[in-house]
Amino acid sequence: MATILWCYLRNSAFIDQGRGPDYHVAADLTDRPTISGNDRGGLIKQKLPECNGGYEAFKFGKTHKKVYSELSSDHPIDLTRYQVINCYLGRAGLINSGGASAGESDLAEAVKTAVVNKRAGGTD
């Protein structure tokens, strides 16, 4: 039996509040719940990342500025690769959710999420 751990950020402090995008889906901030989930075993389920730069926006954690300028881009596959890296370079499985149900666009969003996840090195 597979265990799927939903490793999402759940804190109102990560909502915009004039700092920029919604950082619940920031690739760099989602590393904390991912690492916590890895310690418990099972597949890691996260939202598809939409942005980066949460550490800089919240002055939280330490990272080099090149992480945001030269070592990554805003492309969804690059952002998802950071999630895969946080899953012990793919040793722990990563699946991404397609987001909230929106009706007619659900299938297209699910296919896009599956393709991005696969190309980034996540679990099928």
PDB file of N, CA and C in Angstrom:
ATOM      1  N   MET A   1       0.839  -1.166   0.000  1.00  0.00           N
ATOM      2  CA  MET A   1       0.000   0.000   0.000  1.00  0.00           C
ATOM      3  C   MET A   1       0.896   1.244   0.000  1.00  0.00           C
ATOM      4  N   ALA A   2       0.586   2.177  -0.855  1.00  0.00           N
ATOM      5  CA  ALA A   2       1.365   3.420  -0.947  1.00  0.00           C
ATOM      6  C   ALA A   2       0.824   4.459   0.030  1.00  0.00           C
ATOM      7  N   THR A   3       1.725   5.223   0.583  1.00  0.00           N
ATOM      8  CA  THR A   3       1.355   6.334   1.451  1.00  0.00           C
ATOM      9  C   THR A   3       1.701   7.629   0.731  1.00  0.00           C
ATOM     10  N   ILE A   4       0.732   8.502   0.617  1.00  0.00           N
ATOM     11  CA  ILE A   4       0.956   9.794  -0.030  1.00  0.00           C
ATOM     12  C   ILE A   4       0.872  10.873   1.042  1.00  0.00           C
ATOM     13  N   LEU A   5       1.944  11.615   1.199  1.00  0.00           N
ATOM     14  CA  LEU A   5       2.008  12.672   2.201  1.00  0.00           C
ATOM     15  C   LEU A   5       1.785  14.023   1.526  1.00  0.00           C
ATOM     16  N   TRP A   6       0.758  14.735   1.921  1.00  0.00           N
ATOM     17  CA  TRP A   6       0.470  16.047   1.365  1.00  0.00           C
ATOM     18  C   TRP A   6       1.342  17.055   2.091  1.00  0.00           C
ATOM     19  N   CYS A   7       2.364  17.538   1.446  1.00  0.00           N
ATOM     20  CA  CYS A   7       3.353  18.424   2.059  1.00  0.00           C
ATOM     21  C   CYS A   7       3.201  19.834   1.510  1.00  0.00           C
ATOM     22  N   TYR A   8       2.194  20.535   2.008  1.00  0.00           N
ATOM     23  CA  TYR A   8       1.906  21.888   1.550  1.00  0.00           C
ATOM     24  C   TYR A   8       2.258  22.897   2.637  1.00  0.00           C
ATOM     25  N   LEU A   9       2.516  24.126   2.223  1.00  0.00           N
ATOM     26  CA  LEU A   9       2.647  25.227   3.181  1.00  0.00           C
ATOM     27  C   LEU A   9       1.244  25.675   3.563  1.00  0.00           C
ATOM     28  N   ARG A  10       0.971  25.767   4.844  1.00  0.00           N
ATOM     29  CA  ARG A  10      -0.334  26.227   5.321  1.00  0.00           C
ATOM     30  C   ARG A  10      -0.114  27.299   6.380  1.00  0.00           C
ATOM     31  N   ASN A  11       0.050  28.526   5.935  1.00  0.00           N
ATOM     32  CA  ASN A  11       0.281  29.616   6.865  1.00  0.00           C
ATOM     33  C   ASN A  11      -0.093  30.912   6.166  1.00  0.00           C
ATOM     34  N   SER A  12      -0.954  31.690   6.785  1.00  0.00           N
ATOM     35  CA  SER A  12      -1.402  32.931   6.154  1.00  0.00           C
ATOM     36  C   SER A  12      -0.261  33.939   5.981  1.00  0.00           C
ATOM     37  N   ALA A  13       0.860  33.742   6.668  1.00  0.00           N
ATOM     38  CA  ALA A  13       2.003  34.650   6.522  1.00  0.00           C
ATOM     39  C   ALA A  13       2.613  34.577   5.123  1.00  0.00           C
ATOM     40  N   PHE A  14       2.361  33.491   4.393  1.00  0.00           N
ATOM     41  CA  PHE A  14       2.940  33.331   3.064  1.00  0.00           C
ATOM     42  C   PHE A  14       2.064  33.905   1.955  1.00  0.00           C
ATOM     43  N   ILE A  15       0.921  34.450   2.308  1.00  0.00           N
ATOM     44  CA  ILE A  15       0.050  35.081   1.317  1.00  0.00           C
ATOM     45  C   ILE A  15       0.599  36.463   1.005  1.00  0.00           C
ATOM     46  N   ASP A  16       0.371  36.932  -0.186  1.00  0.00           N
ATOM     47  CA  ASP A  16       0.935  38.142  -0.782  1.00  0.00           C
ATOM     48  C   ASP A  16       1.287  39.255   0.204  1.00  0.00           C
ATOM     49  N   GLN A  17       0.349  39.916   0.813  1.00  0.00           N
ATOM     50  CA  GLN A  17       0.564  41.004   1.764  1.00  0.00           C
ATOM     51  C   GLN A  17       1.573  42.041   1.252  1.00  0.00           C
ATOM     52  N   GLY A  18       1.503  42.345  -0.028  1.00  0.00           N
ATOM     53  CA  GLY A  18       2.340  43.384  -0.605  1.00  0.00           C
ATOM     54  C   GLY A  18       3.758  42.965  -0.930  1.00  0.00           C
ATOM     55  N   ARG A  19       4.117  41.712  -0.752  1.00  0.00           N
ATOM     56  CA  ARG A  19       5.490  41.257  -1.010  1.00  0.00           C
ATOM     57  C   ARG A  19       5.659  40.681  -2.409  1.00  0.00           C
ATOM     58  N   GLY A  20       4.603  40.452  -3.112  1.00  0.00           N
ATOM     59  CA  GLY A  20       4.715  39.850  -4.433  1.00  0.00           C
ATOM     60  C   GLY A  20       3.716  38.724  -4.594  1.00  0.00           C
ATOM     61  N   PRO A  21       4.122  37.625  -5.217  1.00  0.00           N
ATOM     62  CA  PRO A  21       3.183  36.525  -5.483  1.00  0.00           C
ATOM     63  C   PRO A  21       2.801  35.765  -4.213  1.00  0.00           C
ATOM     64  N   ASP A  22       1.892  34.815  -4.377  1.00  0.00           N
ATOM     65  CA  ASP A  22       1.489  33.938  -3.280  1.00  0.00           C
ATOM     66  C   ASP A  22       2.605  32.922  -3.068  1.00  0.00           C
ATOM     67  N   TYR A  23       3.300  33.025  -1.973  1.00  0.00           N
ATOM     68  CA  TYR A  23       4.472  32.180  -1.733  1.00  0.00           C
ATOM     69  C   TYR A  23       4.133  30.803  -1.176  1.00  0.00           C
ATOM     70  N   HIS A  24       2.830  30.451  -1.124  1.00  0.00           N
ATOM     71  CA  HIS A  24       2.484  29.071  -0.775  1.00  0.00           C
ATOM     72  C   HIS A  24       3.028  28.099  -1.826  1.00  0.00           C
ATOM     73  N   VAL A  25       3.229  28.610  -3.020  1.00  0.00           N
ATOM     74  CA  VAL A  25       3.683  27.769  -4.125  1.00  0.00           C
ATOM     75  C   VAL A  25       5.075  28.183  -4.602  1.00  0.00           C
ATOM     76  N   ALA A  26       5.877  28.750  -3.720  1.00  0.00           N
ATOM     77  CA  ALA A  26       7.257  29.121  -4.061  1.00  0.00           C
ATOM     78  C   ALA A  26       8.142  27.880  -3.981  1.00  0.00           C
ATOM     79  N   ALA A  27       8.938  27.665  -5.006  1.00  0.00           N
ATOM     80  CA  ALA A  27       9.777  26.466  -5.074  1.00  0.00           C
ATOM     81  C   ALA A  27      10.759  26.386  -3.914  1.00  0.00           C
ATOM     82  N   ASP A  28      11.293  27.521  -3.489  1.00  0.00           N
ATOM     83  CA  ASP A  28      12.293  27.468  -2.425  1.00  0.00           C
ATOM     84  C   ASP A  28      11.658  27.263  -1.051  1.00  0.00           C
ATOM     85  N   LEU A  29      10.488  27.814  -0.797  1.00  0.00           N
ATOM     86  CA  LEU A  29       9.861  27.648   0.516  1.00  0.00           C
ATOM     87  C   LEU A  29       9.224  26.282   0.709  1.00  0.00           C
ATOM     88  N   THR A  30       8.880  25.611  -0.389  1.00  0.00           N
ATOM     89  CA  THR A  30       8.246  24.294  -0.243  1.00  0.00           C
ATOM     90  C   THR A  30       9.239  23.222   0.174  1.00  0.00           C
ATOM     91  N   ASP A  31      10.524  23.584   0.306  1.00  0.00           N
ATOM     92  CA  ASP A  31      11.498  22.582   0.739  1.00  0.00           C
ATOM     93  C   ASP A  31      11.269  22.145   2.183  1.00  0.00           C
ATOM     94  N   ARG A  32      10.790  23.021   3.035  1.00  0.00           N
ATOM     95  CA  ARG A  32      10.586  22.660   4.451  1.00  0.00           C
ATOM     96  C   ARG A  32       9.558  21.548   4.614  1.00  0.00           C
ATOM     97  N   PRO A  33       8.340  21.666   4.065  1.00  0.00           N
ATOM     98  CA  PRO A  33       7.406  20.544   4.219  1.00  0.00           C
ATOM     99  C   PRO A  33       7.872  19.288   3.488  1.00  0.00           C
ATOM    100  N   THR A  34       8.609  19.455   2.383  1.00  0.00           N
ATOM    101  CA  THR A  34       9.110  18.282   1.661  1.00  0.00           C
ATOM    102  C   THR A  34      10.101  17.498   2.509  1.00  0.00           C
ATOM    103  N   ILE A  35      11.038  18.193   3.110  1.00  0.00           N
ATOM    104  CA  ILE A  35      12.039  17.521   3.936  1.00  0.00           C
ATOM    105  C   ILE A  35      11.374  16.851   5.133  1.00  0.00           C
ATOM    106  N   SER A  36      10.389  17.506   5.714  1.00  0.00           N
ATOM    107  CA  SER A  36       9.648  16.909   6.827  1.00  0.00           C
ATOM    108  C   SER A  36       8.910  15.650   6.372  1.00  0.00           C
ATOM    109  N   GLY A  37       8.331  15.702   5.183  1.00  0.00           N
ATOM    110  CA  GLY A  37       7.640  14.528   4.644  1.00  0.00           C
ATOM    111  C   GLY A  37       8.587  13.397   4.304  1.00  0.00           C
ATOM    112  N   ASN A  38       9.784  13.732   3.820  1.00  0.00           N
ATOM    113  CA  ASN A  38      10.769  12.697   3.501  1.00  0.00           C
ATOM    114  C   ASN A  38      11.140  11.888   4.738  1.00  0.00           C
ATOM    115  N   ASP A  39      11.163  12.529   5.884  1.00  0.00           N
ATOM    116  CA  ASP A  39      11.502  11.831   7.119  1.00  0.00           C
ATOM    117  C   ASP A  39      10.448  10.808   7.514  1.00  0.00           C
ATOM    118  N   ARG A  40       9.246  10.927   6.968  1.00  0.00           N
ATOM    119  CA  ARG A  40       8.159  10.026   7.316  1.00  0.00           C
ATOM    120  C   ARG A  40       7.947   8.926   6.281  1.00  0.00           C
ATOM    121  N   GLY A  41       8.617   9.003   5.148  1.00  0.00           N
ATOM    122  CA  GLY A  41       8.495   7.990   4.097  1.00  0.00           C
ATOM    123  C   GLY A  41       7.247   8.200   3.258  1.00  0.00           C
ATOM    124  N   GLY A  42       7.173   7.489   2.146  1.00  0.00           N
ATOM    125  CA  GLY A  42       6.019   7.596   1.269  1.00  0.00           C
ATOM    126  C   GLY A  42       6.257   8.568   0.124  1.00  0.00           C
ATOM    127  N   LEU A  43       5.249   8.720  -0.711  1.00  0.00           N
ATOM    128  CA  LEU A  43       5.293   9.669  -1.829  1.00  0.00           C
ATOM    129  C   LEU A  43       4.984  11.068  -1.320  1.00  0.00           C
ATOM    130  N   ILE A  44       5.686  12.056  -1.834  1.00  0.00           N
ATOM    131  CA  ILE A  44       5.477  13.442  -1.455  1.00  0.00           C
ATOM    132  C   ILE A  44       4.563  14.090  -2.494  1.00  0.00           C
ATOM    133  N   LYS A  45       3.475  14.686  -2.038  1.00  0.00           N
ATOM    134  CA  LYS A  45       2.563  15.391  -2.933  1.00  0.00           C
ATOM    135  C   LYS A  45       2.645  16.877  -2.613  1.00  0.00           C
ATOM    136  N   GLN A  46       2.921  17.680  -3.642  1.00  0.00           N
ATOM    137  CA  GLN A  46       2.986  19.128  -3.481  1.00  0.00           C
ATOM    138  C   GLN A  46       2.237  19.813  -4.600  1.00  0.00           C
ATOM    139  N   LYS A  47       1.954  21.081  -4.380  1.00  0.00           N
ATOM    140  CA  LYS A  47       1.385  21.890  -5.451  1.00  0.00           C
ATOM    141  C   LYS A  47       2.482  22.203  -6.451  1.00  0.00           C
ATOM    142  N   LEU A  48       2.109  22.344  -7.705  1.00  0.00           N
ATOM    143  CA  LEU A  48       3.065  22.722  -8.741  1.00  0.00           C
ATOM    144  C   LEU A  48       3.587  24.116  -8.423  1.00  0.00           C
ATOM    145  N   PRO A  49       4.911  24.296  -8.338  1.00  0.00           N
ATOM    146  CA  PRO A  49       5.441  25.613  -7.983  1.00  0.00           C
ATOM    147  C   PRO A  49       5.160  26.641  -9.078  1.00  0.00           C
ATOM    148  N   GLU A  50       4.886  27.858  -8.640  1.00  0.00           N
ATOM    149  CA  GLU A  50       4.574  28.936  -9.582  1.00  0.00           C
ATOM    150  C   GLU A  50       5.573  30.081  -9.517  1.00  0.00           C
ATOM    151  N   CYS A  51       6.393  30.121  -8.477  1.00  0.00           N
ATOM    152  CA  CYS A  51       7.329  31.233  -8.320  1.00  0.00           C
ATOM    153  C   CYS A  51       8.534  30.762  -7.512  1.00  0.00           C
ATOM    154  N   ASN A  52       9.433  31.660  -7.282  1.00  0.00           N
ATOM    155  CA  ASN A  52      10.631  31.407  -6.489  1.00  0.00           C
ATOM    156  C   ASN A  52      10.923  32.698  -5.728  1.00  0.00           C
ATOM    157  N   GLY A  53      11.844  32.681  -4.822  1.00  0.00           N
ATOM    158  CA  GLY A  53      12.233  33.900  -4.129  1.00  0.00           C
ATOM    159  C   GLY A  53      11.588  34.119  -2.786  1.00  0.00           C
ATOM    160  N   GLY A  54      11.011  33.088  -2.219  1.00  0.00           N
ATOM    161  CA  GLY A  54      10.383  33.222  -0.913  1.00  0.00           C
ATOM    162  C   GLY A  54      11.359  33.552   0.194  1.00  0.00           C
ATOM    163  N   TYR A  55      12.564  32.978   0.127  1.00  0.00           N
ATOM    164  CA  TYR A  55      13.567  33.270   1.158  1.00  0.00           C
ATOM    165  C   TYR A  55      13.935  34.751   1.155  1.00  0.00           C
ATOM    166  N   GLU A  56      14.076  35.334  -0.015  1.00  0.00           N
ATOM    167  CA  GLU A  56      14.421  36.748  -0.093  1.00  0.00           C
ATOM    168  C   GLU A  56      13.260  37.633   0.352  1.00  0.00           C
ATOM    169  N   ALA A  57      12.038  37.269  -0.024  1.00  0.00           N
ATOM    170  CA  ALA A  57      10.876  38.083   0.325  1.00  0.00           C
ATOM    171  C   ALA A  57      10.626  38.110   1.835  1.00  0.00           C
ATOM    172  N   PHE A  58      10.864  36.986   2.499  1.00  0.00           N
ATOM    173  CA  PHE A  58      10.580  36.889   3.925  1.00  0.00           C
ATOM    174  C   PHE A  58      11.827  36.978   4.795  1.00  0.00           C
ATOM    175  N   LYS A  59      12.987  37.178   4.161  1.00  0.00           N
ATOM    176  CA  LYS A  59      14.259  37.235   4.904  1.00  0.00           C
ATOM    177  C   LYS A  59      14.389  36.017   5.814  1.00  0.00           C
ATOM    178  N   PHE A  60      14.143  34.857   5.208  1.00  0.00           N
ATOM    179  CA  PHE A  60      14.122  33.593   5.930  1.00  0.00           C
ATOM    180  C   PHE A  60      15.103  32.649   5.272  1.00  0.00           C
ATOM    181  N   GLY A  61      15.928  31.987   6.030  1.00  0.00           N
ATOM    182  CA  GLY A  61      16.880  31.033   5.487  1.00  0.00           C
ATOM    183  C   GLY A  61      18.041  31.723   4.799  1.00  0.00           C
ATOM    184  N   LYS A  62      18.993  30.937   4.431  1.00  0.00           N
ATOM    185  CA  LYS A  62      20.170  31.462   3.748  1.00  0.00           C
ATOM    186  C   LYS A  62      20.337  30.740   2.420  1.00  0.00           C
ATOM    187  N   THR A  63      20.567  31.499   1.393  1.00  0.00           N
ATOM    188  CA  THR A  63      20.860  30.944   0.080  1.00  0.00           C
ATOM    189  C   THR A  63      21.631  32.002  -0.707  1.00  0.00           C
ATOM    190  N   HIS A  64      22.295  31.560  -1.717  1.00  0.00           N
ATOM    191  CA  HIS A  64      23.076  32.475  -2.540  1.00  0.00           C
ATOM    192  C   HIS A  64      22.169  33.129  -3.573  1.00  0.00           C
ATOM    193  N   LYS A  65      22.436  34.369  -3.924  1.00  0.00           N
ATOM    194  CA  LYS A  65      21.607  35.092  -4.885  1.00  0.00           C
ATOM    195  C   LYS A  65      21.617  34.442  -6.269  1.00  0.00           C
ATOM    196  N   LYS A  66      22.677  33.694  -6.598  1.00  0.00           N
ATOM    197  CA  LYS A  66      22.735  33.030  -7.898  1.00  0.00           C
ATOM    198  C   LYS A  66      21.668  31.941  -8.041  1.00  0.00           C
ATOM    199  N   VAL A  67      21.132  31.471  -6.925  1.00  0.00           N
ATOM    200  CA  VAL A  67      20.057  30.483  -6.977  1.00  0.00           C
ATOM    201  C   VAL A  67      18.884  31.057  -7.761  1.00  0.00           C
ATOM    202  N   TYR A  68      18.639  32.345  -7.609  1.00  0.00           N
ATOM    203  CA  TYR A  68      17.508  32.976  -8.280  1.00  0.00           C
ATOM    204  C   TYR A  68      17.867  33.578  -9.626  1.00  0.00           C
ATOM    205  N   SER A  69      19.126  33.914  -9.841  1.00  0.00           N
ATOM    206  CA  SER A  69      19.489  34.601 -11.074  1.00  0.00           C
ATOM    207  C   SER A  69      20.108  33.687 -12.130  1.00  0.00           C
ATOM    208  N   GLU A  70      20.994  32.781 -11.734  1.00  0.00           N
ATOM    209  CA  GLU A  70      21.721  31.973 -12.715  1.00  0.00           C
ATOM    210  C   GLU A  70      21.410  30.478 -12.651  1.00  0.00           C
ATOM    211  N   LEU A  71      21.034  29.973 -11.506  1.00  0.00           N
ATOM    212  CA  LEU A  71      20.869  28.529 -11.334  1.00  0.00           C
ATOM    213  C   LEU A  71      19.443  28.045 -11.542  1.00  0.00           C
ATOM    214  N   SER A  72      18.537  28.952 -11.788  1.00  0.00           N
ATOM    215  CA  SER A  72      17.148  28.583 -12.007  1.00  0.00           C
ATOM    216  C   SER A  72      16.490  29.633 -12.888  1.00  0.00           C
ATOM    217  N   SER A  73      15.337  29.281 -13.388  1.00  0.00           N
ATOM    218  CA  SER A  73      14.542  30.226 -14.160  1.00  0.00           C
ATOM    219  C   SER A  73      13.118  30.176 -13.614  1.00  0.00           C
ATOM    220  N   ASP A  74      12.224  30.928 -14.216  1.00  0.00           N
ATOM    221  CA  ASP A  74      10.831  30.916 -13.795  1.00  0.00           C
ATOM    222  C   ASP A  74      10.013  29.855 -14.533  1.00  0.00           C
ATOM    223  N   HIS A  75      10.689  29.021 -15.302  1.00  0.00           N
ATOM    224  CA  HIS A  75       9.996  27.958 -16.033  1.00  0.00           C
ATOM    225  C   HIS A  75       9.501  26.909 -15.040  1.00  0.00           C
ATOM    226  N   PRO A  76       8.275  26.414 -15.206  1.00  0.00           N
ATOM    227  CA  PRO A  76       7.727  25.437 -14.252  1.00  0.00           C
ATOM    228  C   PRO A  76       8.594  24.182 -14.083  1.00  0.00           C
ATOM    229  N   ILE A  77       9.266  23.735 -15.135  1.00  0.00           N
ATOM    230  CA  ILE A  77      10.110  22.543 -15.012  1.00  0.00           C
ATOM    231  C   ILE A  77      11.309  22.833 -14.116  1.00  0.00           C
ATOM    232  N   ASP A  78      11.943  23.988 -14.279  1.00  0.00           N
ATOM    233  CA  ASP A  78      13.063  24.349 -13.400  1.00  0.00           C
ATOM    234  C   ASP A  78      12.619  24.468 -11.955  1.00  0.00           C
ATOM    235  N   LEU A  79      11.464  25.076 -11.727  1.00  0.00           N
ATOM    236  CA  LEU A  79      10.964  25.228 -10.362  1.00  0.00           C
ATOM    237  C   LEU A  79      10.644  23.863  -9.740  1.00  0.00           C
ATOM    238  N   THR A  80      10.077  22.973 -10.529  1.00  0.00           N
ATOM    239  CA  THR A  80       9.745  21.636 -10.026  1.00  0.00           C
ATOM    240  C   THR A  80      11.010  20.832  -9.754  1.00  0.00           C
ATOM    241  N   ARG A  81      12.077  21.083 -10.486  1.00  0.00           N
ATOM    242  CA  ARG A  81      13.345  20.391 -10.222  1.00  0.00           C
ATOM    243  C   ARG A  81      13.850  20.663  -8.813  1.00  0.00           C
ATOM    244  N   TYR A  82      13.612  21.867  -8.298  1.00  0.00           N
ATOM    245  CA  TYR A  82      13.991  22.144  -6.910  1.00  0.00           C
ATOM    246  C   TYR A  82      13.206  21.260  -5.947  1.00  0.00           C
ATOM    247  N   GLN A  83      11.941  21.005  -6.250  1.00  0.00           N
ATOM    248  CA  GLN A  83      11.161  20.092  -5.406  1.00  0.00           C
ATOM    249  C   GLN A  83      11.718  18.675  -5.484  1.00  0.00           C
ATOM    250  N   VAL A  84      12.109  18.243  -6.684  1.00  0.00           N
ATOM    251  CA  VAL A  84      12.699  16.910  -6.849  1.00  0.00           C
ATOM    252  C   VAL A  84      14.014  16.814  -6.076  1.00  0.00           C
ATOM    253  N   ILE A  85      14.823  17.863  -6.136  1.00  0.00           N
ATOM    254  CA  ILE A  85      16.084  17.879  -5.388  1.00  0.00           C
ATOM    255  C   ILE A  85      15.813  17.709  -3.902  1.00  0.00           C
ATOM    256  N   ASN A  86      14.765  18.353  -3.396  1.00  0.00           N
ATOM    257  CA  ASN A  86      14.428  18.237  -1.984  1.00  0.00           C
ATOM    258  C   ASN A  86      13.853  16.875  -1.617  1.00  0.00           C
ATOM    259  N   CYS A  87      13.539  16.073  -2.601  1.00  0.00           N
ATOM    260  CA  CYS A  87      13.095  14.693  -2.371  1.00  0.00           C
ATOM    261  C   CYS A  87      14.284  13.751  -2.540  1.00  0.00           C
ATOM    262  N   TYR A  88      15.407  14.150  -1.973  1.00  0.00           N
ATOM    263  CA  TYR A  88      16.645  13.358  -2.037  1.00  0.00           C
ATOM    264  C   TYR A  88      17.002  13.011  -3.477  1.00  0.00           C
ATOM    265  N   LEU A  89      16.976  14.026  -4.333  1.00  0.00           N
ATOM    266  CA  LEU A  89      17.312  13.906  -5.764  1.00  0.00           C
ATOM    267  C   LEU A  89      16.493  12.825  -6.462  1.00  0.00           C
ATOM    268  N   GLY A  90      15.228  12.727  -6.071  1.00  0.00           N
ATOM    269  CA  GLY A  90      14.321  11.800  -6.721  1.00  0.00           C
ATOM    270  C   GLY A  90      14.220  10.438  -6.060  1.00  0.00           C
ATOM    271  N   ARG A  91      14.998  10.184  -5.018  1.00  0.00           N
ATOM    272  CA  ARG A  91      14.900   8.891  -4.334  1.00  0.00           C
ATOM    273  C   ARG A  91      13.564   8.730  -3.619  1.00  0.00           C
ATOM    274  N   ALA A  92      13.050   9.827  -3.105  1.00  0.00           N
ATOM    275  CA  ALA A  92      11.693   9.843  -2.567  1.00  0.00           C
ATOM    276  C   ALA A  92      10.799  10.362  -3.688  1.00  0.00           C
ATOM    277  N   GLY A  93       9.702   9.699  -3.939  1.00  0.00           N
ATOM    278  CA  GLY A  93       8.844  10.069  -5.060  1.00  0.00           C
ATOM    279  C   GLY A  93       8.134  11.390  -4.862  1.00  0.00           C
ATOM    280  N   LEU A  94       8.020  12.174  -5.929  1.00  0.00           N
ATOM    281  CA  LEU A  94       7.299  13.441  -5.908  1.00  0.00           C
ATOM    282  C   LEU A  94       6.183  13.413  -6.929  1.00  0.00           C
ATOM    283  N   ILE A  95       4.988  13.777  -6.487  1.00  0.00           N
ATOM    284  CA  ILE A  95       3.877  13.997  -7.404  1.00  0.00           C
ATOM    285  C   ILE A  95       3.359  15.404  -7.133  1.00  0.00           C
ATOM    286  N   ASN A  96       2.863  16.057  -8.162  1.00  0.00           N
ATOM    287  CA  ASN A  96       2.328  17.409  -8.024  1.00  0.00           C
ATOM    288  C   ASN A  96       0.835  17.387  -8.273  1.00  0.00           C
ATOM    289  N   SER A  97       0.115  18.176  -7.493  1.00  0.00           N
ATOM    290  CA  SER A  97      -1.318  18.296  -7.715  1.00  0.00           C
ATOM    291  C   SER A  97      -1.562  19.325  -8.804  1.00  0.00           C
ATOM    292  N   GLY A  98      -2.681  19.198  -9.479  1.00  0.00           N
ATOM    293  CA  GLY A  98      -3.007  20.099 -10.567  1.00  0.00           C
ATOM    294  C   GLY A  98      -3.685  21.371 -10.124  1.00  0.00           C
ATOM    295  N   GLY A  99      -3.881  21.546  -8.829  1.00  0.00           N
ATOM    296  CA  GLY A  99      -4.527  22.758  -8.339  1.00  0.00           C
ATOM    297  C   GLY A  99      -6.007  22.539  -8.091  1.00  0.00           C
ATOM    298  N   ALA A 100      -6.682  23.618  -7.783  1.00  0.00           N
ATOM    299  CA  ALA A 100      -8.109  23.560  -7.473  1.00  0.00           C
ATOM    300  C   ALA A 100      -8.914  23.243  -8.726  1.00  0.00           C
ATOM    301  N   SER A 101     -10.033  22.590  -8.538  1.00  0.00           N
ATOM    302  CA  SER A 101     -10.909  22.254  -9.648  1.00  0.00           C
ATOM    303  C   SER A 101     -11.533  23.527 -10.201  1.00  0.00           C
ATOM    304  N   ALA A 102     -11.418  23.707 -11.530  1.00  0.00           N
ATOM    305  CA  ALA A 102     -11.943  24.910 -12.165  1.00  0.00           C
ATOM    306  C   ALA A 102     -13.003  24.586 -13.217  1.00  0.00           C
ATOM    307  N   GLY A 103     -13.323  23.314 -13.386  1.00  0.00           N
ATOM    308  CA  GLY A 103     -14.343  22.934 -14.350  1.00  0.00           C
ATOM    309  C   GLY A 103     -13.774  22.465 -15.666  1.00  0.00           C
ATOM    310  N   GLU A 104     -13.993  23.223 -16.727  1.00  0.00           N
ATOM    311  CA  GLU A 104     -13.611  22.810 -18.071  1.00  0.00           C
ATOM    312  C   GLU A 104     -12.108  22.668 -18.266  1.00  0.00           C
ATOM    313  N   SER A 105     -11.299  23.430 -17.540  1.00  0.00           N
ATOM    314  CA  SER A 105      -9.844  23.392 -17.735  1.00  0.00           C
ATOM    315  C   SER A 105      -9.135  22.335 -16.890  1.00  0.00           C
ATOM    316  N   ASP A 106      -9.882  21.534 -16.139  1.00  0.00           N
ATOM    317  CA  ASP A 106      -9.269  20.554 -15.239  1.00  0.00           C
ATOM    318  C   ASP A 106      -8.387  19.546 -15.964  1.00  0.00           C
ATOM    319  N   LEU A 107      -8.850  19.009 -17.072  1.00  0.00           N
ATOM    320  CA  LEU A 107      -8.075  18.009 -17.802  1.00  0.00           C
ATOM    321  C   LEU A 107      -6.784  18.622 -18.343  1.00  0.00           C
ATOM    322  N   ALA A 108      -6.876  19.799 -18.919  1.00  0.00           N
ATOM    323  CA  ALA A 108      -5.679  20.460 -19.462  1.00  0.00           C
ATOM    324  C   ALA A 108      -4.666  20.750 -18.361  1.00  0.00           C
ATOM    325  N   GLU A 109      -5.126  21.193 -17.197  1.00  0.00           N
ATOM    326  CA  GLU A 109      -4.222  21.467 -16.082  1.00  0.00           C
ATOM    327  C   GLU A 109      -3.588  20.186 -15.553  1.00  0.00           C
ATOM    328  N   ALA A 110      -4.354  19.113 -15.490  1.00  0.00           N
ATOM    329  CA  ALA A 110      -3.812  17.835 -15.019  1.00  0.00           C
ATOM    330  C   ALA A 110      -2.744  17.301 -15.969  1.00  0.00           C
ATOM    331  N   VAL A 111      -2.977  17.409 -17.267  1.00  0.00           N
ATOM    332  CA  VAL A 111      -1.989  16.962 -18.252  1.00  0.00           C
ATOM    333  C   VAL A 111      -0.730  17.815 -18.167  1.00  0.00           C
ATOM    334  N   LYS A 112      -0.882  19.139 -18.074  1.00  0.00           N
ATOM    335  CA  LYS A 112       0.278  20.027 -17.954  1.00  0.00           C
ATOM    336  C   LYS A 112       1.087  19.685 -16.710  1.00  0.00           C
ATOM    337  N   THR A 113       0.418  19.482 -15.590  1.00  0.00           N
ATOM    338  CA  THR A 113       1.097  19.150 -14.340  1.00  0.00           C
ATOM    339  C   THR A 113       1.846  17.827 -14.462  1.00  0.00           C
ATOM    340  N   ALA A 114       1.221  16.830 -15.084  1.00  0.00           N
ATOM    341  CA  ALA A 114       1.880  15.531 -15.256  1.00  0.00           C
ATOM    342  C   ALA A 114       3.115  15.640 -16.138  1.00  0.00           C
ATOM    343  N   VAL A 115       3.039  16.411 -17.199  1.00  0.00           N
ATOM    344  CA  VAL A 115       4.178  16.580 -18.106  1.00  0.00           C
ATOM    345  C   VAL A 115       5.318  17.323 -17.406  1.00  0.00           C
ATOM    346  N   VAL A 116       4.994  18.402 -16.704  1.00  0.00           N
ATOM    347  CA  VAL A 116       6.011  19.165 -15.986  1.00  0.00           C
ATOM    348  C   VAL A 116       6.679  18.286 -14.937  1.00  0.00           C
ATOM    349  N   ASN A 117       5.897  17.554 -14.171  1.00  0.00           N
ATOM    350  CA  ASN A 117       6.422  16.681 -13.126  1.00  0.00           C
ATOM    351  C   ASN A 117       7.354  15.618 -13.709  1.00  0.00           C
ATOM    352  N   LYS A 118       6.959  15.005 -14.794  1.00  0.00           N
ATOM    353  CA  LYS A 118       7.769  13.959 -15.424  1.00  0.00           C
ATOM    354  C   LYS A 118       9.076  14.531 -15.978  1.00  0.00           C
ATOM    355  N   ARG A 119       9.011  15.656 -16.664  1.00  0.00           N
ATOM    356  CA  ARG A 119      10.221  16.249 -17.254  1.00  0.00           C
ATOM    357  C   ARG A 119      11.181  16.792 -16.200  1.00  0.00           C
ATOM    358  N   ALA A 120      10.652  17.116 -15.030  1.00  0.00           N
ATOM    359  CA  ALA A 120      11.502  17.605 -13.943  1.00  0.00           C
ATOM    360  C   ALA A 120      12.136  16.464 -13.152  1.00  0.00           C
ATOM    361  N   GLY A 121      11.680  15.240 -13.388  1.00  0.00           N
ATOM    362  CA  GLY A 121      12.265  14.092 -12.677  1.00  0.00           C
ATOM    363  C   GLY A 121      11.383  13.534 -11.581  1.00  0.00           C
ATOM    364  N   GLY A 122      10.139  13.998 -11.518  1.00  0.00           N
ATOM    365  CA  GLY A 122       9.220  13.500 -10.496  1.00  0.00           C
ATOM    366  C   GLY A 122       8.705  12.101 -10.824  1.00  0.00           C
ATOM    367  N   THR A 123       7.844  11.616  -9.968  1.00  0.00           N
ATOM    368  CA  THR A 123       7.278  10.281 -10.114  1.00  0.00           C
ATOM    369  C   THR A 123       6.147  10.299 -11.144  1.00  0.00           C
ATOM    370  N   ASP A 124       6.038   9.219 -11.899  1.00  0.00           N
ATOM    371  CA  ASP A 124       4.966   9.111 -12.917  1.00  0.00           C
ATOM    372  C   ASP A 124       3.608   9.181 -12.290  1.00  0.00           C
TER     373      ASP A 124
END
